[in-house]
N, C-alpha and C. Protein backbone atom coordinates (compact mmCIF):
# COMPACT_ATOMS: atom_id res chain seq x y z
N MET A 1 0.71 -1.55 0.12
CA MET A 1 -0.08 -0.27 0.12
C MET A 1 1.00 1.13 -0.01
N LYS A 2 2.09 0.85 0.62
CA LYS A 2 2.80 2.34 0.12
C LYS A 2 3.20 2.50 -1.05
N GLU A 3 3.49 3.71 -1.64
CA GLU A 3 4.17 4.04 -3.01
C GLU A 3 5.56 3.02 -3.33
N LYS A 4 5.19 2.73 -4.98
CA LYS A 4 6.32 2.10 -5.34
C LYS A 4 6.78 2.90 -6.51
N TYR A 5 8.15 3.14 -6.11
CA TYR A 5 9.07 4.10 -7.06
C TYR A 5 9.70 3.18 -8.27
N VAL A 6 10.09 2.16 -8.28
CA VAL A 6 10.63 1.54 -9.30
C VAL A 6 9.59 0.96 -10.50
N LEU A 7 9.43 1.51 -11.71
CA LEU A 7 9.08 1.06 -12.69
C LEU A 7 9.83 0.15 -13.33
N THR A 8 9.43 -1.41 -14.23
CA THR A 8 9.87 -2.24 -14.81
C THR A 8 9.79 -1.38 -16.34
N SER A 9 10.76 -1.80 -17.11
CA SER A 9 11.28 -1.27 -18.78
C SER A 9 9.91 -1.84 -19.11
N GLY A 10 9.13 -2.71 -18.69
CA GLY A 10 8.23 -3.68 -19.53
C GLY A 10 6.84 -2.34 -19.41
N TYR A 11 6.72 -2.42 -18.24
CA TYR A 11 5.60 -1.57 -17.83
C TYR A 11 5.47 0.00 -18.49
N HIS A 12 7.10 0.38 -18.48
CA HIS A 12 7.13 1.86 -19.38
C HIS A 12 6.83 1.48 -20.92
N GLU A 13 7.60 0.36 -21.83
CA GLU A 13 6.98 0.54 -23.12
C GLU A 13 5.50 -0.11 -23.37
N GLN A 14 4.77 -0.65 -22.20
CA GLN A 14 3.25 -0.66 -22.35
C GLN A 14 2.75 0.60 -22.32
N LEU A 15 3.01 1.94 -21.75
CA LEU A 15 2.53 2.97 -21.49
C LEU A 15 2.72 3.53 -22.38
N LEU A 16 4.04 3.37 -23.42
CA LEU A 16 4.17 4.50 -24.30
C LEU A 16 3.30 3.46 -25.54
N CYS A 17 2.98 2.33 -25.54
CA CYS A 17 2.49 1.46 -26.69
C CYS A 17 0.91 1.99 -26.53
N ASN A 18 0.05 2.59 -25.10
CA ASN A 18 -1.11 2.46 -24.97
C ASN A 18 -1.61 3.43 -26.03
N GLY A 19 -2.08 3.13 -27.26
CA GLY A 19 -2.59 4.58 -28.25
C GLY A 19 -3.88 4.84 -27.57
N SER A 20 -4.66 4.12 -26.69
CA SER A 20 -5.92 4.68 -26.70
C SER A 20 -6.25 5.73 -25.56
N ASN A 21 -4.72 6.09 -24.80
CA ASN A 21 -4.78 7.06 -23.71
C ASN A 21 -3.17 7.90 -24.09
N VAL A 22 -3.24 8.60 -25.07
CA VAL A 22 -2.15 9.13 -25.43
C VAL A 22 -1.87 10.19 -24.29
N SER A 23 -2.47 10.76 -23.53
CA SER A 23 -2.15 11.88 -22.66
C SER A 23 -1.83 11.42 -21.72
N ARG A 24 -2.44 10.38 -21.23
CA ARG A 24 -1.73 9.57 -20.03
C ARG A 24 -0.24 8.96 -20.37
N SER A 25 -0.24 8.58 -21.39
CA SER A 25 1.26 7.90 -21.92
C SER A 25 2.27 9.00 -21.76
N LYS A 26 1.93 10.34 -22.28
CA LYS A 26 2.75 11.48 -22.03
C LYS A 26 3.06 11.68 -20.48
N SER A 27 1.97 11.67 -20.01
CA SER A 27 2.17 12.26 -18.69
C SER A 27 3.31 11.37 -17.77
N SER A 28 2.63 9.92 -18.28
CA SER A 28 3.58 9.13 -17.73
C SER A 28 4.99 9.09 -18.03
N THR A 29 4.84 9.02 -19.39
CA THR A 29 6.53 9.09 -20.00
C THR A 29 7.28 10.17 -18.98
N ARG A 30 6.67 11.47 -19.12
CA ARG A 30 7.33 12.48 -18.48
C ARG A 30 7.73 12.17 -16.96
N TRP A 31 6.46 11.37 -16.39
CA TRP A 31 7.15 11.08 -15.01
C TRP A 31 8.19 10.19 -14.82
N LEU A 32 8.07 9.43 -15.58
CA LEU A 32 9.55 8.45 -15.69
C LEU A 32 10.74 8.97 -16.07
N ARG A 33 10.66 10.17 -16.52
CA ARG A 33 11.95 10.86 -17.17
C ARG A 33 12.30 11.73 -15.87
N GLU A 34 11.73 12.42 -15.09
CA GLU A 34 11.58 13.30 -14.01
C GLU A 34 12.00 12.19 -12.84
N HIS A 35 11.32 11.18 -12.64
CA HIS A 35 11.88 10.45 -11.54
C HIS A 35 13.08 9.42 -11.54
N PHE A 36 13.61 9.36 -13.14
CA PHE A 36 15.04 9.09 -12.93
C PHE A 36 16.05 9.72 -12.58
N LYS A 37 15.55 11.33 -12.90
CA LYS A 37 16.41 12.34 -12.51
C LYS A 37 16.50 12.81 -11.18
N ASP A 38 15.76 12.06 -10.36
CA ASP A 38 15.37 12.50 -9.22
C ASP A 38 16.84 12.31 -8.34
N GLU A 39 17.09 12.94 -7.53
CA GLU A 39 18.23 13.23 -6.72
C GLU A 39 18.26 12.02 -5.59
N TYR A 40 16.89 11.75 -5.28
CA TYR A 40 16.80 10.80 -4.41
C TYR A 40 16.72 9.30 -4.88
N VAL A 41 16.15 9.52 -5.79
CA VAL A 41 16.12 8.02 -6.52
C VAL A 41 17.37 7.65 -6.93
N LYS A 42 17.93 8.54 -7.36
CA LYS A 42 19.50 8.20 -7.53
C LYS A 42 20.26 7.66 -6.38
N ARG A 43 20.00 8.19 -5.06
CA ARG A 43 20.53 7.99 -3.81
C ARG A 43 20.26 6.48 -3.64
N ALA A 44 18.97 6.12 -3.62
CA ALA A 44 18.10 5.26 -3.31
C ALA A 44 19.01 3.91 -3.86
N HIS A 45 19.15 4.22 -5.44
CA HIS A 45 19.55 3.08 -5.94
C HIS A 45 21.19 2.76 -5.74
N ALA A 46 21.93 3.69 -5.55
CA ALA A 46 23.42 3.61 -5.20
C ALA A 46 23.44 3.17 -3.89
N GLY A 47 22.61 3.16 -2.83
CA GLY A 47 22.69 2.53 -1.77
C GLY A 47 21.93 1.25 -1.45
N GLY A 48 21.46 0.78 -2.53
CA GLY A 48 20.56 -0.56 -2.64
C GLY A 48 19.62 -0.56 -1.52
N LEU A 49 18.80 0.71 -1.24
CA LEU A 49 17.47 1.23 -0.88
C LEU A 49 16.53 0.35 -1.58
N ARG A 50 15.30 0.30 -0.82
CA ARG A 50 14.10 -0.32 -1.45
C ARG A 50 13.14 0.77 -1.76
N SER A 51 13.37 1.82 -1.61
CA SER A 51 12.50 3.25 -2.06
C SER A 51 13.05 4.87 -1.41
N ARG A 52 12.83 5.25 -2.27
CA ARG A 52 13.25 6.85 -2.15
C ARG A 52 12.59 7.46 -0.58
N ALA A 53 11.46 6.60 -0.38
CA ALA A 53 10.73 7.38 0.65
C ALA A 53 11.38 7.33 1.94
N VAL A 54 12.24 5.93 2.24
CA VAL A 54 13.36 6.19 3.56
C VAL A 54 13.72 7.64 3.81
N PHE A 55 14.03 8.33 2.24
CA PHE A 55 14.69 9.59 2.80
C PHE A 55 13.83 10.60 3.83
N LYS A 56 12.35 10.72 3.52
CA LYS A 56 11.33 11.31 4.02
C LYS A 56 11.30 11.03 5.52
N LEU A 57 11.16 9.77 5.94
CA LEU A 57 11.34 9.13 6.97
C LEU A 57 12.58 9.53 7.87
N GLU A 58 13.74 9.72 7.63
CA GLU A 58 14.87 9.54 7.93
C GLU A 58 15.22 11.20 8.48
N GLU A 59 14.67 12.06 7.51
CA GLU A 59 14.50 13.33 7.93
C GLU A 59 13.74 13.77 9.30
N ILE A 60 12.50 12.95 9.06
CA ILE A 60 11.61 13.71 10.39
C ILE A 60 11.93 12.87 11.94
N LEU A 61 12.60 11.71 11.28
CA LEU A 61 13.27 10.70 12.78
C LEU A 61 14.35 11.46 13.37
N ALA A 62 15.24 12.33 12.38
CA ALA A 62 16.14 13.11 13.12
C ALA A 62 15.53 14.10 13.66
N ARG A 63 14.74 15.16 13.10
CA ARG A 63 14.53 16.23 13.19
C ARG A 63 13.41 16.14 14.57
N ASP A 64 12.69 15.19 14.78
CA ASP A 64 11.89 15.22 16.06
C ASP A 64 12.46 14.33 16.82
N ARG A 65 13.45 13.49 16.87
CA ARG A 65 13.81 12.64 17.44
C ARG A 65 12.86 11.68 18.08
N LEU A 66 12.41 11.08 17.11
CA LEU A 66 11.30 9.57 17.51
C LEU A 66 11.47 8.66 18.18
N LEU A 67 12.80 7.88 17.92
CA LEU A 67 13.17 6.73 18.25
C LEU A 67 14.30 6.79 19.20
N LYS A 68 13.58 5.88 20.23
CA LYS A 68 14.55 5.65 21.30
C LYS A 68 14.98 3.94 21.75
N PRO A 69 15.88 3.52 21.89
CA PRO A 69 16.64 1.96 22.08
C PRO A 69 15.20 1.63 22.82
N GLY A 70 14.93 0.36 22.69
CA GLY A 70 14.02 -0.55 23.20
C GLY A 70 12.36 -0.35 22.62
N MET A 71 12.15 0.85 21.63
CA MET A 71 10.73 0.94 21.31
C MET A 71 10.11 -0.08 20.60
N ARG A 72 9.01 -0.24 20.71
CA ARG A 72 8.06 -0.94 19.79
C ARG A 72 7.36 -0.50 18.63
N VAL A 73 7.93 -0.75 17.45
CA VAL A 73 7.16 0.43 16.28
C VAL A 73 6.12 -0.75 15.64
N VAL A 74 5.39 -0.51 14.79
CA VAL A 74 4.57 -0.78 14.01
C VAL A 74 4.51 0.10 12.35
N ASP A 75 4.87 -0.38 11.14
CA ASP A 75 4.48 0.28 10.32
C ASP A 75 3.80 -0.29 9.34
N LEU A 76 2.46 0.38 9.16
CA LEU A 76 1.39 0.38 8.55
C LEU A 76 1.52 0.66 6.99
N GLY A 77 1.04 -0.74 6.00
CA GLY A 77 1.46 -0.44 4.87
C GLY A 77 2.20 -0.43 4.60
N ALA A 78 3.54 -1.36 4.98
CA ALA A 78 4.90 -1.08 5.12
C ALA A 78 5.65 -1.73 3.67
N ALA A 79 4.94 -2.35 2.61
CA ALA A 79 5.52 -2.39 1.48
C ALA A 79 6.11 -1.10 1.01
N PRO A 80 7.47 -1.19 0.02
CA PRO A 80 8.56 -2.62 0.00
C PRO A 80 9.36 -2.70 1.23
N GLY A 81 9.15 -2.32 2.45
CA GLY A 81 9.62 -2.30 3.40
C GLY A 81 10.84 -1.16 4.06
N SER A 82 11.09 0.18 3.05
CA SER A 82 12.34 0.51 3.28
C SER A 82 12.04 1.49 4.60
N TRP A 83 10.98 1.72 5.23
CA TRP A 83 10.66 2.49 6.51
C TRP A 83 10.85 1.24 7.65
N SER A 84 10.38 0.12 7.57
CA SER A 84 10.71 -0.57 8.57
C SER A 84 12.15 -1.07 8.67
N GLN A 85 12.95 -1.03 7.20
CA GLN A 85 14.27 -1.39 7.62
C GLN A 85 15.11 -0.16 8.11
N ALA A 86 14.86 1.01 7.94
CA ALA A 86 15.17 2.15 8.54
C ALA A 86 15.01 2.25 9.95
N VAL A 87 13.95 1.89 10.53
CA VAL A 87 13.84 2.05 12.16
C VAL A 87 14.31 0.93 12.49
N ARG A 88 14.86 -0.13 11.67
CA ARG A 88 15.37 -1.36 12.57
C ARG A 88 16.84 -1.07 12.71
N ALA A 89 17.64 -0.49 11.84
CA ALA A 89 19.06 -0.17 11.80
C ALA A 89 18.98 1.06 12.83
N LYS A 90 18.23 1.39 12.92
CA LYS A 90 18.53 2.70 14.04
C LYS A 90 18.42 2.21 15.47
N LEU A 91 17.25 0.96 15.63
CA LEU A 91 17.33 0.60 16.80
C LEU A 91 18.10 -0.21 17.32
N GLY A 92 18.80 -0.81 16.19
CA GLY A 92 20.11 -1.69 16.56
C GLY A 92 19.17 -2.95 16.93
N ASP A 93 19.59 -3.72 18.05
CA ASP A 93 19.25 -5.04 18.42
C ASP A 93 18.35 -4.90 19.40
N THR A 94 17.98 -3.60 19.52
CA THR A 94 16.40 -3.21 20.55
C THR A 94 15.38 -3.28 20.16
N GLY A 95 14.26 -3.46 20.92
CA GLY A 95 12.79 -3.07 20.93
C GLY A 95 12.17 -4.10 19.98
N GLN A 96 11.17 -3.76 19.54
CA GLN A 96 10.60 -4.62 18.12
C GLN A 96 10.02 -3.74 17.17
N VAL A 97 10.24 -4.29 15.93
CA VAL A 97 9.78 -3.45 14.85
C VAL A 97 8.70 -4.82 14.40
N ILE A 98 7.42 -4.20 13.75
CA ILE A 98 6.59 -4.97 13.28
C ILE A 98 5.98 -4.49 11.77
N ALA A 99 6.25 -5.25 10.72
CA ALA A 99 5.31 -4.58 9.36
C ALA A 99 4.34 -5.20 9.29
N LEU A 100 3.11 -4.19 8.71
CA LEU A 100 1.99 -4.93 8.38
C LEU A 100 1.81 -4.55 6.96
N ASP A 101 1.33 -5.41 5.97
CA ASP A 101 0.97 -5.21 4.70
C ASP A 101 0.10 -6.27 3.97
N ILE A 102 -0.84 -6.18 2.73
CA ILE A 102 -1.33 -6.78 2.16
C ILE A 102 -0.40 -7.40 1.31
N LEU A 103 0.48 -7.05 0.74
CA LEU A 103 1.31 -7.29 0.01
C LEU A 103 2.74 -8.10 0.51
N PRO A 104 3.08 -9.07 -0.13
CA PRO A 104 4.15 -9.42 0.52
C PRO A 104 5.61 -8.79 0.94
N ILE A 105 6.61 -8.94 1.64
CA ILE A 105 7.66 -7.74 1.47
C ILE A 105 8.71 -9.11 1.63
N GLN A 106 9.65 -8.98 0.99
CA GLN A 106 11.25 -9.74 1.17
C GLN A 106 11.72 -9.31 2.75
N GLY A 107 12.45 -10.50 3.29
CA GLY A 107 12.60 -10.52 4.50
C GLY A 107 13.46 -9.61 4.92
N ILE A 108 13.28 -8.58 6.17
CA ILE A 108 14.18 -7.79 6.73
C ILE A 108 14.25 -8.35 8.09
N HIS A 109 16.20 -8.60 8.36
CA HIS A 109 16.18 -8.93 9.55
C HIS A 109 16.18 -8.17 10.37
N GLY A 110 15.30 -8.89 11.42
CA GLY A 110 14.98 -7.92 12.96
C GLY A 110 13.44 -7.51 12.83
N VAL A 111 12.94 -7.37 11.76
CA VAL A 111 11.61 -7.20 11.55
C VAL A 111 10.75 -8.19 11.47
N GLU A 112 9.79 -8.18 12.01
CA GLU A 112 8.33 -9.34 12.13
C GLU A 112 7.44 -8.74 11.16
N PHE A 113 7.23 -9.56 10.06
CA PHE A 113 6.13 -9.29 9.01
C PHE A 113 5.34 -9.90 9.03
N LEU A 114 3.78 -9.04 9.53
CA LEU A 114 2.57 -9.71 9.34
C LEU A 114 1.80 -9.33 7.97
N GLN A 115 1.38 -10.48 7.07
CA GLN A 115 0.86 -10.30 5.78
C GLN A 115 -0.80 -10.35 5.89
N GLY A 116 -1.04 -9.15 5.50
CA GLY A 116 -3.01 -9.29 5.81
C GLY A 116 -2.92 -7.69 5.93
N ASP A 117 -4.66 -7.50 6.02
CA ASP A 117 -5.20 -6.24 6.09
C ASP A 117 -5.22 -6.10 7.68
N PHE A 118 -4.87 -4.78 7.83
CA PHE A 118 -4.53 -4.44 9.40
C PHE A 118 -5.87 -4.24 9.77
N ARG A 119 -7.23 -4.10 9.06
CA ARG A 119 -8.46 -3.72 9.33
C ARG A 119 -8.94 -4.96 9.82
N GLU A 120 -8.65 -6.04 9.46
CA GLU A 120 -9.37 -7.31 9.93
C GLU A 120 -8.78 -7.71 11.11
N PRO A 121 -9.93 -8.31 11.71
CA PRO A 121 -9.52 -9.31 13.40
C PRO A 121 -8.68 -10.12 13.26
N GLU A 122 -8.55 -11.04 12.26
CA GLU A 122 -7.68 -11.97 12.46
C GLU A 122 -6.05 -11.21 12.35
N VAL A 123 -6.13 -10.44 11.69
CA VAL A 123 -4.58 -9.86 11.65
C VAL A 123 -4.07 -9.26 12.96
N LEU A 124 -5.27 -8.27 13.65
CA LEU A 124 -5.27 -7.96 14.72
C LEU A 124 -4.82 -8.80 16.10
N LEU A 125 -5.43 -10.12 15.71
CA LEU A 125 -5.16 -10.76 16.84
C LEU A 125 -3.85 -11.55 16.79
N ARG A 126 -2.99 -11.45 15.72
CA ARG A 126 -1.53 -12.05 15.18
C ARG A 126 -0.93 -10.76 15.77
N LEU A 127 -1.27 -9.64 15.58
CA LEU A 127 -0.47 -8.65 15.88
C LEU A 127 -0.56 -8.40 17.44
N GLU A 128 -1.66 -9.07 18.13
CA GLU A 128 -1.53 -8.72 19.61
C GLU A 128 -0.80 -9.88 20.07
N ALA A 129 -0.86 -10.97 19.58
CA ALA A 129 -0.28 -12.11 19.81
C ALA A 129 1.58 -11.83 19.88
N ALA A 130 1.86 -11.20 18.94
CA ALA A 130 3.24 -10.64 18.59
C ALA A 130 3.92 -9.91 19.43
N LEU A 131 2.85 -8.72 19.84
CA LEU A 131 3.12 -7.80 20.92
C LEU A 131 2.89 -8.40 22.38
N LYS A 132 2.53 -9.46 22.72
CA LYS A 132 2.63 -9.87 23.97
C LYS A 132 1.72 -8.93 25.03
N GLY A 133 0.65 -8.46 24.74
CA GLY A 133 -0.20 -7.72 25.86
C GLY A 133 0.36 -6.30 25.68
N GLU A 134 1.65 -5.75 25.52
CA GLU A 134 2.64 -4.83 25.14
C GLU A 134 1.66 -3.53 24.35
N ARG A 135 1.69 -2.65 24.18
CA ARG A 135 1.09 -1.55 23.41
C ARG A 135 2.52 -0.69 23.00
N LEU A 136 2.15 0.19 21.78
CA LEU A 136 3.27 0.67 20.77
C LEU A 136 3.60 2.01 21.41
N ASP A 137 4.89 2.42 21.02
CA ASP A 137 5.43 3.57 21.23
C ASP A 137 5.36 4.26 20.04
N LEU A 138 5.41 3.68 18.83
CA LEU A 138 4.92 4.71 17.73
C LEU A 138 4.39 3.62 16.78
N VAL A 139 3.29 4.25 15.64
CA VAL A 139 2.75 3.93 14.78
C VAL A 139 3.42 4.54 13.36
N LEU A 140 3.76 4.45 12.31
CA LEU A 140 3.86 4.64 11.09
C LEU A 140 3.21 4.28 10.21
N SER A 141 2.77 5.18 9.26
CA SER A 141 1.66 4.97 8.08
C SER A 141 2.00 5.81 6.75
N ASP A 142 2.66 5.37 5.92
CA ASP A 142 3.13 5.77 4.79
C ASP A 142 1.84 5.29 3.78
N MET A 143 0.95 4.98 3.81
CA MET A 143 0.03 4.52 3.22
C MET A 143 -0.49 5.39 1.96
N ALA A 144 -0.89 4.81 0.88
CA ALA A 144 -1.40 5.46 -0.16
C ALA A 144 -2.48 4.62 -0.98
N PRO A 145 -3.41 4.76 -1.61
CA PRO A 145 -4.33 3.89 -1.93
C PRO A 145 -3.94 3.70 -3.54
N ASN A 146 -4.27 2.67 -4.28
CA ASN A 146 -4.33 2.70 -5.55
C ASN A 146 -4.88 3.97 -6.30
N LEU A 147 -4.11 4.95 -7.44
CA LEU A 147 -5.15 6.10 -7.93
C LEU A 147 -5.58 5.50 -9.04
N SER A 148 -6.85 6.00 -9.07
CA SER A 148 -7.62 5.72 -10.34
C SER A 148 -7.48 6.97 -11.41
N GLY A 149 -6.79 8.16 -10.71
CA GLY A 149 -7.08 9.33 -11.75
C GLY A 149 -8.16 10.35 -11.57
N ILE A 150 -9.55 9.71 -10.73
CA ILE A 150 -10.28 10.40 -10.16
C ILE A 150 -10.04 11.44 -9.26
N GLU A 151 -9.69 12.26 -9.40
CA GLU A 151 -9.12 13.18 -7.93
C GLU A 151 -10.14 12.91 -6.74
N VAL A 152 -11.33 13.19 -6.80
CA VAL A 152 -12.36 13.19 -5.90
C VAL A 152 -12.22 11.78 -4.93
N ALA A 153 -12.55 10.62 -6.07
CA ALA A 153 -12.40 9.41 -5.39
C ALA A 153 -11.33 8.92 -5.12
N ASP A 154 -10.08 9.02 -5.72
CA ASP A 154 -8.73 9.19 -4.83
C ASP A 154 -8.44 9.70 -3.34
N GLN A 155 -9.07 10.90 -3.18
CA GLN A 155 -8.90 11.71 -2.22
C GLN A 155 -9.66 11.07 -0.81
N ALA A 156 -11.01 10.69 -1.40
CA ALA A 156 -11.96 9.93 -0.57
C ALA A 156 -11.26 8.74 -0.09
N ARG A 157 -10.38 8.02 -0.68
CA ARG A 157 -9.82 6.64 -0.45
C ARG A 157 -8.69 6.94 0.43
N THR A 158 -8.09 7.84 0.05
CA THR A 158 -6.89 8.33 0.90
C THR A 158 -6.99 8.91 2.51
N MET A 159 -8.36 9.83 2.33
CA MET A 159 -8.79 9.76 3.78
C MET A 159 -9.37 8.93 4.52
N GLU A 160 -10.04 7.64 3.76
CA GLU A 160 -10.50 6.68 4.67
C GLU A 160 -9.22 5.69 5.31
N LEU A 161 -8.24 5.77 4.32
CA LEU A 161 -7.11 5.08 4.88
C LEU A 161 -6.39 5.96 5.98
N ALA A 162 -6.70 7.09 6.10
CA ALA A 162 -5.79 7.90 7.20
C ALA A 162 -6.81 7.55 8.45
N ASP A 163 -8.30 7.41 8.38
CA ASP A 163 -9.09 7.05 9.59
C ASP A 163 -8.61 5.85 9.85
N ARG A 164 -8.73 4.87 9.08
CA ARG A 164 -8.04 3.51 9.53
C ARG A 164 -6.90 3.41 10.40
N ALA A 165 -5.81 4.45 9.82
CA ALA A 165 -4.72 4.06 10.47
C ALA A 165 -5.01 5.36 11.77
N LEU A 166 -5.46 5.96 12.14
CA LEU A 166 -5.66 6.71 13.59
C LEU A 166 -6.61 5.81 14.20
N ASP A 167 -7.79 5.43 13.91
CA ASP A 167 -8.19 4.33 14.69
C ASP A 167 -7.26 3.29 15.11
N PHE A 168 -6.40 2.80 14.26
CA PHE A 168 -5.62 1.61 14.62
C PHE A 168 -4.60 2.24 16.10
N ALA A 169 -4.19 3.62 15.91
CA ALA A 169 -3.25 4.53 16.86
C ALA A 169 -3.85 4.59 17.84
N ARG A 170 -5.62 4.81 18.33
CA ARG A 170 -5.96 5.14 18.81
C ARG A 170 -6.16 3.63 20.26
N ARG A 171 -6.29 2.54 19.26
CA ARG A 171 -6.43 1.60 20.10
C ARG A 171 -5.09 0.76 20.73
N TRP A 172 -3.92 1.09 19.92
CA TRP A 172 -2.53 0.22 20.09
C TRP A 172 -1.46 1.14 20.73
N LEU A 173 -1.58 2.77 20.90
CA LEU A 173 -0.54 3.74 21.35
C LEU A 173 -0.84 3.57 22.64
N LYS A 174 0.73 3.56 23.14
CA LYS A 174 0.76 3.96 24.98
C LYS A 174 0.21 5.40 24.98
N PRO A 175 -0.05 5.66 26.13
CA PRO A 175 -0.56 7.14 26.49
C PRO A 175 0.34 8.34 25.75
N ASP A 176 1.77 8.20 25.76
CA ASP A 176 2.86 8.94 25.48
C ASP A 176 3.46 8.74 24.16
N GLY A 177 2.80 7.71 23.35
CA GLY A 177 3.23 7.07 21.97
C GLY A 177 3.15 8.34 21.06
N ALA A 178 3.50 8.05 19.62
CA ALA A 178 3.53 8.77 18.52
C ALA A 178 3.01 8.21 17.51
N LEU A 179 2.33 8.96 16.73
CA LEU A 179 1.78 8.45 15.10
C LEU A 179 2.50 9.32 14.22
N LEU A 180 2.97 9.06 13.22
CA LEU A 180 3.33 9.63 11.94
C LEU A 180 2.57 9.02 10.79
N ILE A 181 1.97 10.11 10.19
CA ILE A 181 0.99 9.73 9.31
C ILE A 181 1.03 10.36 8.01
N LYS A 182 0.87 9.79 6.65
CA LYS A 182 0.92 10.82 5.24
C LYS A 182 -0.47 11.04 5.17
N LEU A 183 -0.70 12.14 4.59
CA LEU A 183 -1.95 12.90 4.09
C LEU A 183 -1.95 13.16 2.61
N PHE A 184 -2.68 14.05 2.22
CA PHE A 184 -2.74 14.79 1.01
C PHE A 184 -3.50 15.77 1.26
N GLN A 185 -3.00 16.98 0.64
CA GLN A 185 -4.02 18.24 0.79
C GLN A 185 -5.14 17.94 -0.05
N GLY A 186 -6.38 18.19 0.33
CA GLY A 186 -7.54 18.26 -0.20
C GLY A 186 -8.74 17.72 0.49
N ALA A 187 -9.79 17.47 -0.04
CA ALA A 187 -11.03 17.55 1.09
C ALA A 187 -10.56 16.58 2.13
N GLY A 188 -11.71 16.95 3.42
CA GLY A 188 -11.43 16.04 4.49
C GLY A 188 -10.09 16.30 5.27
N ILE A 189 -9.40 16.81 5.20
CA ILE A 189 -7.75 16.71 5.74
C ILE A 189 -7.97 17.84 6.93
N ASP A 190 -8.57 18.99 6.65
CA ASP A 190 -8.68 19.66 7.67
C ASP A 190 -9.58 19.27 8.95
N GLN A 191 -10.78 18.55 8.38
CA GLN A 191 -11.15 17.85 9.56
C GLN A 191 -10.74 16.72 10.34
N PHE A 192 -9.95 16.14 9.55
CA PHE A 192 -9.00 14.92 10.06
C PHE A 192 -8.09 15.52 10.86
N ILE A 193 -7.38 16.89 10.83
CA ILE A 193 -6.33 17.37 11.46
C ILE A 193 -7.02 17.69 12.73
N CYS A 194 -8.24 18.54 12.84
CA CYS A 194 -9.02 18.61 14.12
C CYS A 194 -9.05 17.79 14.72
N ASP A 195 -9.75 16.49 14.20
CA ASP A 195 -9.63 15.09 14.92
C ASP A 195 -8.52 14.64 15.61
N LEU A 196 -7.11 14.97 15.05
CA LEU A 196 -5.89 14.89 15.39
C LEU A 196 -5.73 15.67 16.67
N ARG A 197 -6.17 16.80 16.82
CA ARG A 197 -6.03 17.64 17.82
C ARG A 197 -6.68 17.54 19.00
N ARG A 198 -7.92 17.12 18.60
CA ARG A 198 -8.97 16.40 19.73
C ARG A 198 -8.65 15.60 20.60
N ASP A 199 -7.39 14.61 19.79
CA ASP A 199 -7.02 13.04 20.17
C ASP A 199 -5.57 12.68 20.51
N PHE A 200 -4.98 14.20 20.37
CA PHE A 200 -3.31 14.04 20.81
C PHE A 200 -3.31 15.47 21.31
N ARG A 201 -2.39 15.42 22.32
CA ARG A 201 -1.81 16.93 22.74
C ARG A 201 -1.06 17.75 21.75
N ARG A 202 -0.20 16.87 20.92
CA ARG A 202 0.80 18.04 20.15
C ARG A 202 0.58 17.15 18.76
N VAL A 203 0.39 18.29 17.62
CA VAL A 203 0.13 18.08 16.45
C VAL A 203 1.20 18.95 15.56
N SER A 204 1.96 18.35 14.62
CA SER A 204 2.89 18.80 13.92
C SER A 204 2.76 18.34 12.39
N MET A 205 2.67 19.52 11.71
CA MET A 205 2.90 18.98 9.94
C MET A 205 4.40 19.40 9.35
N ARG A 206 4.36 17.89 8.77
CA ARG A 206 5.88 18.19 8.55
C ARG A 206 6.17 17.72 6.56
N LYS A 207 6.77 18.35 5.88
CA LYS A 207 6.99 18.34 4.96
C LYS A 207 8.66 17.77 4.14
N PRO A 208 8.78 16.63 4.10
CA PRO A 208 10.29 16.44 4.19
C PRO A 208 11.10 17.04 2.89
N LYS A 209 12.08 17.27 2.48
CA LYS A 209 12.83 17.56 1.40
C LYS A 209 12.57 17.05 0.33
N ALA A 210 12.38 15.38 0.77
CA ALA A 210 12.43 14.22 -0.01
C ALA A 210 11.16 14.27 -0.60
N SER A 211 10.04 15.01 -0.13
CA SER A 211 8.74 14.77 -0.96
C SER A 211 8.83 15.80 -1.94
N ARG A 212 8.68 15.36 -2.96
CA ARG A 212 8.50 16.34 -4.26
C ARG A 212 7.64 17.86 -4.04
N THR A 213 8.25 18.66 -4.47
CA THR A 213 7.55 20.00 -3.85
C THR A 213 5.94 20.21 -4.73
N ARG A 214 5.79 19.52 -5.91
CA ARG A 214 4.53 19.56 -6.25
C ARG A 214 3.62 18.62 -6.07
N SER A 215 4.01 17.84 -5.22
CA SER A 215 3.36 16.55 -4.61
C SER A 215 2.42 17.10 -3.37
N ARG A 216 1.07 16.80 -3.29
CA ARG A 216 -0.06 17.09 -2.40
C ARG A 216 0.52 16.53 -1.29
N GLU A 217 1.29 15.79 -1.08
CA GLU A 217 1.43 14.52 0.57
C GLU A 217 2.28 15.58 1.44
N THR A 218 1.62 15.18 2.40
CA THR A 218 2.23 16.23 3.86
C THR A 218 2.38 15.05 5.04
N TYR A 219 3.05 15.17 6.10
CA TYR A 219 2.67 14.12 6.97
C TYR A 219 2.46 14.69 8.30
N ALA A 220 1.49 14.19 9.13
CA ALA A 220 1.24 14.72 10.32
C ALA A 220 1.70 14.00 11.42
N LEU A 221 2.64 14.70 12.36
CA LEU A 221 3.03 13.81 13.50
C LEU A 221 2.44 14.41 14.73
N VAL A 222 1.81 13.38 15.23
CA VAL A 222 1.11 13.29 16.67
C VAL A 222 1.85 12.88 17.67
N ARG A 223 1.70 13.19 19.02
CA ARG A 223 2.20 13.11 20.24
C ARG A 223 1.57 13.03 21.48
N GLY A 224 1.24 12.27 22.09
CA GLY A 224 0.63 12.63 23.38
C GLY A 224 -1.08 12.09 23.34
N ARG A 225 -1.41 11.05 23.60
CA ARG A 225 -2.78 10.68 23.21
C ARG A 225 -3.14 11.20 24.51
N ARG A 226 -4.89 11.83 23.85
CA ARG A 226 -5.50 11.91 25.30
C ARG A 226 -6.12 10.84 25.72
N ALA A 227 -6.51 10.75 26.83
CA ALA A 227 -7.29 9.97 27.83
C ALA A 227 -8.73 9.73 27.03
């Protein structure tokens, strides 16, 4: 459910040859051209990283000092796993990192992977067993829906995912825990931020340098869950 940044050459050819939607092909070709010139894409490839999205997380982690040894962290919609990998590297051998996604993820040393929809009771039971009754220090959500190109529908799906991630955090976070969640500017975001302010004592908005300037994405960092 996380953004996927590396497209295969076969997919690229399919875009170019799809005469039924020339404008979309031109747009996709332009996106690919910009993508492979992107500084963070190049850095991710050079470092053998799974996604350029890791640089967004690393900037926020450093700025807000979110991680401490021994923390329990869940990464919602974790595929391809770059965020979970980065958190495990920073925690070293301490704490617990659990990645959840409906998509399979190549194994990451020190990260527990639960495949399935985190909204389903069976998956939550497996999570509860993995946590052994403990609550979480940090919930991460870089989730985004599969886009249809219909802005109203896509924004609605995005906000639905955000609502689900917030519900998850309400249930699983410790009182002093934190939630970092990706949002997209558009309908529903103002009310969602109001909901965050109602439920958490501190709400901060972040736009990492690795987030493309023209992208509508932003991140909400909330801490201190209210009783």
